[in-house]
Amino acid sequence: MIEWLIASGRDLGDVKNKKGTDLRNDKDYTALGIARKNHRAEVVSLLERSIANPMQTRQEVRGKLGVLDELAARSLP
């Protein structure tokens, strides 16, 4: 799911610093913190790459998902 959000190009907000409350235990976590807490190494890696270089990560994910051609075709006049 996170790959599709990144591929969409939508602003995901500050996944590294913005906290939200986990309703299960009333503790505050960032999206990155939740991924770490749940031992989701692939998601942690993807979020960290996206923070460091969002455009490159978006292109890589679009390639992996096979949506590069579809997106390019939509941008044609």
C-alpha atoms as a PDB file:
ATOM      1  CA  MET A   1       0.000   0.000   0.000  1.00  0.00           C
ATOM      2  CA  ILE A   2       2.768   2.451   0.894  1.00  0.00           C
ATOM      3  CA  GLU A   3       4.330   1.845  -2.525  1.00  0.00           C
ATOM      4  CA  TRP A   4       1.138   2.979  -4.253  1.00  0.00           C
ATOM      5  CA  LEU A   5       0.957   6.099  -2.094  1.00  0.00           C
ATOM      6  CA  ILE A   6       4.548   6.982  -2.955  1.00  0.00           C
ATOM      7  CA  ALA A   7       3.993   6.199  -6.648  1.00  0.00           C
ATOM      8  CA  SER A   8       0.948   8.474  -6.719  1.00  0.00           C
ATOM      9  CA  GLY A   9       3.112  11.492  -5.980  1.00  0.00           C
ATOM     10  CA  ARG A  10       0.791  12.679  -3.232  1.00  0.00           C
ATOM     11  CA  ASP A  11       2.233  14.545  -0.294  1.00  0.00           C
ATOM     12  CA  LEU A  12       2.512  12.026   2.536  1.00  0.00           C
ATOM     13  CA  GLY A  13       3.310  14.725   5.055  1.00  0.00           C
ATOM     14  CA  ASP A  14       6.135  14.491   7.527  1.00  0.00           C
ATOM     15  CA  VAL A  15       6.374  10.734   8.133  1.00  0.00           C
ATOM     16  CA  LYS A  16       9.580  11.237  10.103  1.00  0.00           C
ATOM     17  CA  ASN A  17       8.487  13.859  12.640  1.00  0.00           C
ATOM     18  CA  LYS A  18       4.696  14.277  12.668  1.00  0.00           C
ATOM     19  CA  LYS A  19       3.155  12.122  15.358  1.00  0.00           C
ATOM     20  CA  GLY A  20      -0.250  10.586  15.619  1.00  0.00           C
ATOM     21  CA  THR A  21      -1.757   8.687  18.523  1.00  0.00           C
ATOM     22  CA  ASP A  22      -1.926   4.906  18.461  1.00  0.00           C
ATOM     23  CA  LEU A  23      -5.429   4.311  19.819  1.00  0.00           C
ATOM     24  CA  ARG A  24      -4.446   0.889  21.126  1.00  0.00           C
ATOM     25  CA  ASN A  25      -2.072   2.278  23.737  1.00  0.00           C
ATOM     26  CA  ASP A  26      -2.419   6.106  23.692  1.00  0.00           C
ATOM     27  CA  LYS A  27       1.213   6.581  22.708  1.00  0.00           C
ATOM     28  CA  ASP A  28       2.344   8.951  19.976  1.00  0.00           C
ATOM     29  CA  TYR A  29       4.251   7.558  17.014  1.00  0.00           C
ATOM     30  CA  THR A  30       5.378   8.769  13.611  1.00  0.00           C
ATOM     31  CA  ALA A  31       4.634   6.674  10.520  1.00  0.00           C
ATOM     32  CA  LEU A  32       8.313   5.758  10.439  1.00  0.00           C
ATOM     33  CA  GLY A  33       8.206   4.890  14.148  1.00  0.00           C
ATOM     34  CA  ILE A  34       5.197   2.615  13.658  1.00  0.00           C
ATOM     35  CA  ALA A  35       6.971   0.773  10.841  1.00  0.00           C
ATOM     36  CA  ARG A  36      10.026   0.301  13.073  1.00  0.00           C
ATOM     37  CA  LYS A  37       7.911  -0.782  16.060  1.00  0.00           C
ATOM     38  CA  ASN A  38       6.198  -3.411  13.918  1.00  0.00           C
ATOM     39  CA  HIS A  39       9.511  -4.668  12.484  1.00  0.00           C
ATOM     40  CA  ARG A  40       8.548  -3.734   8.913  1.00  0.00           C
ATOM     41  CA  ALA A  41      12.095  -3.378   7.563  1.00  0.00           C
ATOM     42  CA  GLU A  42      10.962  -3.019   3.948  1.00  0.00           C
ATOM     43  CA  VAL A  43       8.558  -0.190   4.821  1.00  0.00           C
ATOM     44  CA  VAL A  44      11.192   1.512   7.001  1.00  0.00           C
ATOM     45  CA  SER A  45      13.697   1.337   4.149  1.00  0.00           C
ATOM     46  CA  LEU A  46      11.191   2.678   1.626  1.00  0.00           C
ATOM     47  CA  LEU A  47      10.125   5.567   3.878  1.00  0.00           C
ATOM     48  CA  GLU A  48      13.738   6.468   4.665  1.00  0.00           C
ATOM     49  CA  ARG A  49      14.636   6.449   0.961  1.00  0.00           C
ATOM     50  CA  SER A  50      11.587   8.564   0.200  1.00  0.00           C
ATOM     51  CA  ILE A  51      12.573  11.100   2.871  1.00  0.00           C
ATOM     52  CA  ALA A  52      16.135  11.309   1.537  1.00  0.00           C
ATOM     53  CA  ASN A  53      15.256  11.457  -2.170  1.00  0.00           C
ATOM     54  CA  PRO A  54      11.507  11.570  -2.888  1.00  0.00           C
ATOM     55  CA  MET A  55      11.668  11.989  -6.674  1.00  0.00           C
ATOM     56  CA  GLN A  56      14.097   9.124  -7.236  1.00  0.00           C
ATOM     57  CA  THR A  57      12.194   6.830  -4.871  1.00  0.00           C
ATOM     58  CA  ARG A  58       8.898   7.672  -6.599  1.00  0.00           C
ATOM     59  CA  GLN A  59      10.381   6.795 -10.012  1.00  0.00           C
ATOM     60  CA  GLU A  60      11.848   3.520  -8.696  1.00  0.00           C
ATOM     61  CA  VAL A  61       8.531   2.510  -7.123  1.00  0.00           C
ATOM     62  CA  ARG A  62       6.598   3.425 -10.269  1.00  0.00           C
ATOM     63  CA  GLY A  63       8.978   1.232 -12.263  1.00  0.00           C
ATOM     64  CA  LYS A  64       8.550  -1.645  -9.815  1.00  0.00           C
ATOM     65  CA  LEU A  65       4.767  -1.342  -9.983  1.00  0.00           C
ATOM     66  CA  GLY A  66       4.821  -1.068 -13.763  1.00  0.00           C
ATOM     67  CA  VAL A  67       3.030   2.258 -13.943  1.00  0.00           C
ATOM     68  CA  LEU A  68       5.759   4.337 -15.618  1.00  0.00           C
ATOM     69  CA  ASP A  69       4.321   3.880 -19.108  1.00  0.00           C
ATOM     70  CA  GLU A  70       0.754   4.605 -18.008  1.00  0.00           C
ATOM     71  CA  LEU A  71       1.779   7.834 -16.282  1.00  0.00           C
ATOM     72  CA  ALA A  72       3.889   8.950 -19.228  1.00  0.00           C
ATOM     73  CA  ALA A  73       0.999   8.317 -21.650  1.00  0.00           C
ATOM     74  CA  ARG A  74      -1.334  10.485 -19.563  1.00  0.00           C
ATOM     75  CA  SER A  75       1.016  13.431 -19.754  1.00  0.00           C
ATOM     76  CA  LEU A  76       1.008  13.498 -23.559  1.00  0.00           C
ATOM     77  CA  PRO A  77      -1.136  16.203 -25.215  1.00  0.00           C
END
